[in-house]
C-alpha atoms as a PDB file:
ATOM      1  CA  UNK A   1       0.000   0.000   0.000  1.00  0.00           C
ATOM      2  CA  UNK A   2       1.261   3.480  -0.853  1.00  0.00           C
ATOM      3  CA  UNK A   3       2.150   5.687   2.107  1.00  0.00           C
ATOM      4  CA  UNK A   4       0.702   9.109   2.989  1.00  0.00           C
ATOM      5  CA  UNK A   5       4.122  10.701   2.442  1.00  0.00           C
ATOM      6  CA  UNK A   6       4.384   9.290  -1.092  1.00  0.00           C
ATOM      7  CA  UNK A   7       0.844  10.414  -1.940  1.00  0.00           C
ATOM      8  CA  UNK A   8       1.525  13.888  -0.561  1.00  0.00           C
ATOM      9  CA  UNK A   9       4.705  14.175  -2.651  1.00  0.00           C
ATOM     10  CA  UNK A  10       2.783  13.147  -5.793  1.00  0.00           C
ATOM     11  CA  UNK A  11      -0.016  15.620  -5.044  1.00  0.00           C
ATOM     12  CA  UNK A  12       2.362  18.518  -4.441  1.00  0.00           C
ATOM     13  CA  UNK A  13       4.454  17.815  -7.540  1.00  0.00           C
ATOM     14  CA  UNK A  14       1.372  17.486  -9.777  1.00  0.00           C
ATOM     15  CA  UNK A  15       3.068  14.717 -11.745  1.00  0.00           C
ATOM     16  CA  UNK A  16       0.949  12.316 -13.758  1.00  0.00           C
ATOM     17  CA  UNK A  17       0.713   8.848 -12.201  1.00  0.00           C
ATOM     18  CA  UNK A  18      -0.265   5.437 -13.504  1.00  0.00           C
ATOM     19  CA  UNK A  19      -2.383   3.122 -11.339  1.00  0.00           C
ATOM     20  CA  UNK A  20      -1.783  -0.512 -12.292  1.00  0.00           C
ATOM     21  CA  UNK A  21      -4.835  -2.543 -11.291  1.00  0.00           C
ATOM     22  CA  UNK A  22      -4.092  -5.863 -13.021  1.00  0.00           C
ATOM     23  CA  UNK A  23      -2.008  -7.419 -15.775  1.00  0.00           C
ATOM     24  CA  UNK A  24      -3.817  -5.626 -18.613  1.00  0.00           C
ATOM     25  CA  UNK A  25      -2.378  -2.245 -19.549  1.00  0.00           C
ATOM     26  CA  UNK A  26      -5.775  -1.165 -20.928  1.00  0.00           C
ATOM     27  CA  UNK A  27      -7.172  -1.280 -17.368  1.00  0.00           C
ATOM     28  CA  UNK A  28      -4.609   1.220 -16.031  1.00  0.00           C
ATOM     29  CA  UNK A  29      -5.822   4.595 -14.771  1.00  0.00           C
ATOM     30  CA  UNK A  30      -3.683   7.675 -15.429  1.00  0.00           C
ATOM     31  CA  UNK A  31      -4.044  11.114 -13.887  1.00  0.00           C
ATOM     32  CA  UNK A  32      -2.945  13.255 -10.958  1.00  0.00           C
ATOM     33  CA  UNK A  33      -3.445  12.596  -7.248  1.00  0.00           C
ATOM     34  CA  UNK A  34      -6.088  14.900  -5.759  1.00  0.00           C
ATOM     35  CA  UNK A  35      -6.887  13.507  -2.296  1.00  0.00           C
ATOM     36  CA  UNK A  36      -6.849  10.304  -0.231  1.00  0.00           C
ATOM     37  CA  UNK A  37      -7.985   8.707   3.007  1.00  0.00           C
ATOM     38  CA  UNK A  38      -7.105   5.476   4.796  1.00  0.00           C
ATOM     39  CA  UNK A  39      -8.541   3.208   2.118  1.00  0.00           C
ATOM     40  CA  UNK A  40      -8.971   5.143  -1.152  1.00  0.00           C
ATOM     41  CA  UNK A  41      -7.230   7.649  -3.444  1.00  0.00           C
ATOM     42  CA  UNK A  42      -8.894  10.220  -5.720  1.00  0.00           C
ATOM     43  CA  UNK A  43      -7.270  10.533  -9.156  1.00  0.00           C
ATOM     44  CA  UNK A  44      -8.234  13.290 -11.606  1.00  0.00           C
ATOM     45  CA  UNK A  45      -8.072  11.898 -15.107  1.00  0.00           C
ATOM     46  CA  UNK A  46      -7.182  13.896 -18.225  1.00  0.00           C
ATOM     47  CA  UNK A  47     -10.878  14.367 -19.081  1.00  0.00           C
ATOM     48  CA  UNK A  48     -11.309  16.005 -15.622  1.00  0.00           C
ATOM     49  CA  UNK A  49     -13.380  13.153 -14.231  1.00  0.00           C
ATOM     50  CA  UNK A  50     -12.419  11.992 -10.762  1.00  0.00           C
ATOM     51  CA  UNK A  51     -11.916   8.297 -10.049  1.00  0.00           C
ATOM     52  CA  UNK A  52     -11.850   6.743  -6.576  1.00  0.00           C
ATOM     53  CA  UNK A  53      -9.345   3.859  -6.373  1.00  0.00           C
ATOM     54  CA  UNK A  54      -8.167   1.505  -3.645  1.00  0.00           C
ATOM     55  CA  UNK A  55      -4.799   2.240  -2.028  1.00  0.00           C
ATOM     56  CA  UNK A  56      -3.670  -1.376  -2.436  1.00  0.00           C
ATOM     57  CA  UNK A  57      -3.084  -0.887  -6.202  1.00  0.00           C
ATOM     58  CA  UNK A  58       0.390  -0.114  -7.545  1.00  0.00           C
ATOM     59  CA  UNK A  59       0.988   3.636  -8.024  1.00  0.00           C
ATOM     60  CA  UNK A  60       3.902   4.717 -10.204  1.00  0.00           C
ATOM     61  CA  UNK A  61       4.951   7.741 -12.213  1.00  0.00           C
ATOM     62  CA  UNK A  62       3.514   7.796 -15.723  1.00  0.00           C
ATOM     63  CA  UNK A  63       6.932   8.746 -17.127  1.00  0.00           C
ATOM     64  CA  UNK A  64       8.451   5.463 -15.860  1.00  0.00           C
ATOM     65  CA  UNK A  65       8.056   2.134 -17.704  1.00  0.00           C
ATOM     66  CA  UNK A  66       4.998   0.143 -16.638  1.00  0.00           C
ATOM     67  CA  UNK A  67       5.574  -2.605 -14.062  1.00  0.00           C
ATOM     68  CA  UNK A  68       2.872  -5.252 -13.939  1.00  0.00           C
ATOM     69  CA  UNK A  69       1.642  -6.648 -10.592  1.00  0.00           C
ATOM     70  CA  UNK A  70       3.082 -10.046 -11.578  1.00  0.00           C
ATOM     71  CA  UNK A  71       6.598  -8.556 -11.300  1.00  0.00           C
ATOM     72  CA  UNK A  72       6.349  -8.296  -7.505  1.00  0.00           C
END
């Protein structure tokens, strides 16, 4: 699970993140971190819609190569 400090750093930097939910790249969510609580994270997508995602997913910078959950 991603820590509060990591989420805060991503929110303050405004960098685009990729949320890897499963092995399929088409199911990834990209956007910027807006807010979070103990269980969920709000991501603002490029089309300005907000998506609520679980904190247990893998969060990584969009500029970095994609790492699938199977790589863990």
